[in-house]
């Protein structure tokens, strides 16, 4: 297990972590979640600043980062997999989802 700080989890409700440096495929990293240390094996190469799943995420489930809802999974996402535009749909700032009436 690599004890270097590769990623951060900011809130107990988060289901993703954010990489603070590039994480190579199959790296085993240690994360502290809810006050407990947990080992995760990275299933994709994770670039600096990108997210990866720290819990299994099912299609349609909310993606939670920093305790905030940031989108919905468009497919099932296994622990250690990259969470990005290919498997997440943002629902923030989307005018097509608002119920505006044009007069």
C-alpha atoms as a PDB file:
ATOM      1  CA  UNK A   1       0.000   0.000   0.000  1.00  0.00           C
ATOM      2  CA  UNK A   2       1.283   3.435  -0.887  1.00  0.00           C
ATOM      3  CA  UNK A   3       1.005   5.752   2.108  1.00  0.00           C
ATOM      4  CA  UNK A   4       1.548   8.912   0.057  1.00  0.00           C
ATOM      5  CA  UNK A   5      -1.297  11.391  -0.070  1.00  0.00           C
ATOM      6  CA  UNK A   6      -2.661  10.863  -3.582  1.00  0.00           C
ATOM      7  CA  UNK A   7      -6.219  12.103  -3.022  1.00  0.00           C
ATOM      8  CA  UNK A   8      -8.580  13.854  -0.658  1.00  0.00           C
ATOM      9  CA  UNK A   9     -12.073  13.095   0.570  1.00  0.00           C
ATOM     10  CA  UNK A  10     -13.650  16.169   2.119  1.00  0.00           C
ATOM     11  CA  UNK A  11     -17.014  14.979   3.441  1.00  0.00           C
ATOM     12  CA  UNK A  12     -18.384  11.769   4.944  1.00  0.00           C
ATOM     13  CA  UNK A  13     -21.168  11.698   2.310  1.00  0.00           C
ATOM     14  CA  UNK A  14     -18.775  11.899  -0.657  1.00  0.00           C
ATOM     15  CA  UNK A  15     -18.735   8.966  -3.057  1.00  0.00           C
ATOM     16  CA  UNK A  16     -15.745  10.349  -4.989  1.00  0.00           C
ATOM     17  CA  UNK A  17     -12.251  11.503  -4.045  1.00  0.00           C
ATOM     18  CA  UNK A  18     -10.157  14.120  -5.847  1.00  0.00           C
ATOM     19  CA  UNK A  19      -6.616  13.304  -6.984  1.00  0.00           C
ATOM     20  CA  UNK A  20      -4.004  15.755  -5.698  1.00  0.00           C
ATOM     21  CA  UNK A  21      -1.433  14.272  -8.071  1.00  0.00           C
ATOM     22  CA  UNK A  22      -1.508  11.809 -10.964  1.00  0.00           C
ATOM     23  CA  UNK A  23      -2.395   8.291  -9.804  1.00  0.00           C
ATOM     24  CA  UNK A  24      -1.241   5.392 -11.982  1.00  0.00           C
ATOM     25  CA  UNK A  25      -3.428   2.437 -12.913  1.00  0.00           C
ATOM     26  CA  UNK A  26      -3.533  -0.308 -10.263  1.00  0.00           C
ATOM     27  CA  UNK A  27      -1.888   1.874  -7.594  1.00  0.00           C
ATOM     28  CA  UNK A  28      -3.091   0.963  -4.120  1.00  0.00           C
ATOM     29  CA  UNK A  29      -3.735   4.069  -2.078  1.00  0.00           C
ATOM     30  CA  UNK A  30      -4.878   4.767   1.440  1.00  0.00           C
ATOM     31  CA  UNK A  31      -7.752   7.181   2.071  1.00  0.00           C
ATOM     32  CA  UNK A  32      -9.223   8.348   5.344  1.00  0.00           C
ATOM     33  CA  UNK A  33     -13.003   8.284   5.183  1.00  0.00           C
ATOM     34  CA  UNK A  34     -15.309   8.891   8.146  1.00  0.00           C
ATOM     35  CA  UNK A  35     -12.239   8.791  10.384  1.00  0.00           C
ATOM     36  CA  UNK A  36     -11.180   5.337   9.189  1.00  0.00           C
ATOM     37  CA  UNK A  37      -8.312   4.377   6.903  1.00  0.00           C
ATOM     38  CA  UNK A  38      -9.287   2.403   3.798  1.00  0.00           C
ATOM     39  CA  UNK A  39      -7.268   0.964   0.916  1.00  0.00           C
ATOM     40  CA  UNK A  40      -8.486   1.477  -2.652  1.00  0.00           C
ATOM     41  CA  UNK A  41      -6.974   0.036  -5.816  1.00  0.00           C
ATOM     42  CA  UNK A  42      -7.117   2.490  -8.704  1.00  0.00           C
ATOM     43  CA  UNK A  43      -8.869   0.965 -11.740  1.00  0.00           C
ATOM     44  CA  UNK A  44      -8.043   3.758 -14.256  1.00  0.00           C
ATOM     45  CA  UNK A  45      -5.178   6.216 -14.518  1.00  0.00           C
ATOM     46  CA  UNK A  46      -6.430   9.259 -12.604  1.00  0.00           C
ATOM     47  CA  UNK A  47      -5.021  12.655 -13.641  1.00  0.00           C
ATOM     48  CA  UNK A  48      -4.330  15.401 -11.103  1.00  0.00           C
ATOM     49  CA  UNK A  49      -7.555  17.185 -10.148  1.00  0.00           C
ATOM     50  CA  UNK A  50      -9.864  14.454 -11.434  1.00  0.00           C
ATOM     51  CA  UNK A  51     -12.338  12.384  -9.438  1.00  0.00           C
ATOM     52  CA  UNK A  52     -12.568   8.649  -8.845  1.00  0.00           C
ATOM     53  CA  UNK A  53     -15.182   6.500  -7.135  1.00  0.00           C
ATOM     54  CA  UNK A  54     -14.553   5.550  -3.516  1.00  0.00           C
ATOM     55  CA  UNK A  55     -17.837   3.648  -3.201  1.00  0.00           C
ATOM     56  CA  UNK A  56     -19.772   1.688  -5.826  1.00  0.00           C
ATOM     57  CA  UNK A  57     -21.990   4.120  -7.759  1.00  0.00           C
ATOM     58  CA  UNK A  58     -25.000   2.863  -9.697  1.00  0.00           C
ATOM     59  CA  UNK A  59     -26.437   4.348 -12.880  1.00  0.00           C
ATOM     60  CA  UNK A  60     -28.684   7.296 -11.983  1.00  0.00           C
ATOM     61  CA  UNK A  61     -27.159   7.740  -8.526  1.00  0.00           C
ATOM     62  CA  UNK A  62     -26.047  11.184  -7.367  1.00  0.00           C
ATOM     63  CA  UNK A  63     -22.341  11.990  -7.550  1.00  0.00           C
ATOM     64  CA  UNK A  64     -21.350  13.725  -4.296  1.00  0.00           C
ATOM     65  CA  UNK A  65     -18.156  15.757  -3.922  1.00  0.00           C
ATOM     66  CA  UNK A  66     -17.353  18.027  -0.942  1.00  0.00           C
ATOM     67  CA  UNK A  67     -20.752  17.009   0.464  1.00  0.00           C
ATOM     68  CA  UNK A  68     -22.512  18.549  -2.545  1.00  0.00           C
ATOM     69  CA  UNK A  69     -24.467  16.930  -5.355  1.00  0.00           C
ATOM     70  CA  UNK A  70     -22.590  17.605  -8.616  1.00  0.00           C
ATOM     71  CA  UNK A  71     -24.332  15.334 -11.127  1.00  0.00           C
ATOM     72  CA  UNK A  72     -25.745  11.881 -11.878  1.00  0.00           C
ATOM     73  CA  UNK A  73     -23.972   8.718 -12.972  1.00  0.00           C
ATOM     74  CA  UNK A  74     -24.812   7.731 -16.542  1.00  0.00           C
ATOM     75  CA  UNK A  75     -23.550   4.184 -15.929  1.00  0.00           C
ATOM     76  CA  UNK A  76     -22.449   1.989 -13.032  1.00  0.00           C
ATOM     77  CA  UNK A  77     -19.041   3.093 -11.714  1.00  0.00           C
ATOM     78  CA  UNK A  78     -16.855   0.691  -9.733  1.00  0.00           C
ATOM     79  CA  UNK A  79     -14.566   1.731  -6.878  1.00  0.00           C
ATOM     80  CA  UNK A  80     -11.291   3.150  -8.228  1.00  0.00           C
ATOM     81  CA  UNK A  81     -12.723   4.123 -11.633  1.00  0.00           C
ATOM     82  CA  UNK A  82     -12.389   7.613 -13.109  1.00  0.00           C
ATOM     83  CA  UNK A  83     -15.515   9.754 -12.619  1.00  0.00           C
ATOM     84  CA  UNK A  84     -15.693  12.315 -15.422  1.00  0.00           C
ATOM     85  CA  UNK A  85     -17.776  13.522 -18.375  1.00  0.00           C
ATOM     86  CA  UNK A  86     -17.890  10.044 -19.942  1.00  0.00           C
ATOM     87  CA  UNK A  87     -19.907   8.627 -17.021  1.00  0.00           C
ATOM     88  CA  UNK A  88     -21.464  11.675 -15.304  1.00  0.00           C
ATOM     89  CA  UNK A  89     -24.136  14.073 -16.442  1.00  0.00           C
ATOM     90  CA  UNK A  90     -24.077  17.472 -14.793  1.00  0.00           C
ATOM     91  CA  UNK A  91     -27.436  18.845 -13.756  1.00  0.00           C
ATOM     92  CA  UNK A  92     -26.128  22.223 -12.598  1.00  0.00           C
ATOM     93  CA  UNK A  93     -26.626  25.297 -14.734  1.00  0.00           C
ATOM     94  CA  UNK A  94     -28.666  23.434 -17.328  1.00  0.00           C
ATOM     95  CA  UNK A  95     -31.373  25.671 -18.701  1.00  0.00           C
ATOM     96  CA  UNK A  96     -33.034  22.726 -20.396  1.00  0.00           C
ATOM     97  CA  UNK A  97     -33.879  21.275 -16.979  1.00  0.00           C
ATOM     98  CA  UNK A  98     -35.458  24.402 -15.532  1.00  0.00           C
ATOM     99  CA  UNK A  99     -39.197  24.970 -15.766  1.00  0.00           C
ATOM    100  CA  UNK A 100     -39.191  28.429 -17.302  1.00  0.00           C
ATOM    101  CA  UNK A 101     -42.196  29.788 -19.102  1.00  0.00           C
ATOM    102  CA  UNK A 102     -41.414  32.152 -21.953  1.00  0.00           C
ATOM    103  CA  UNK A 103     -44.019  34.867 -22.241  1.00  0.00           C
END
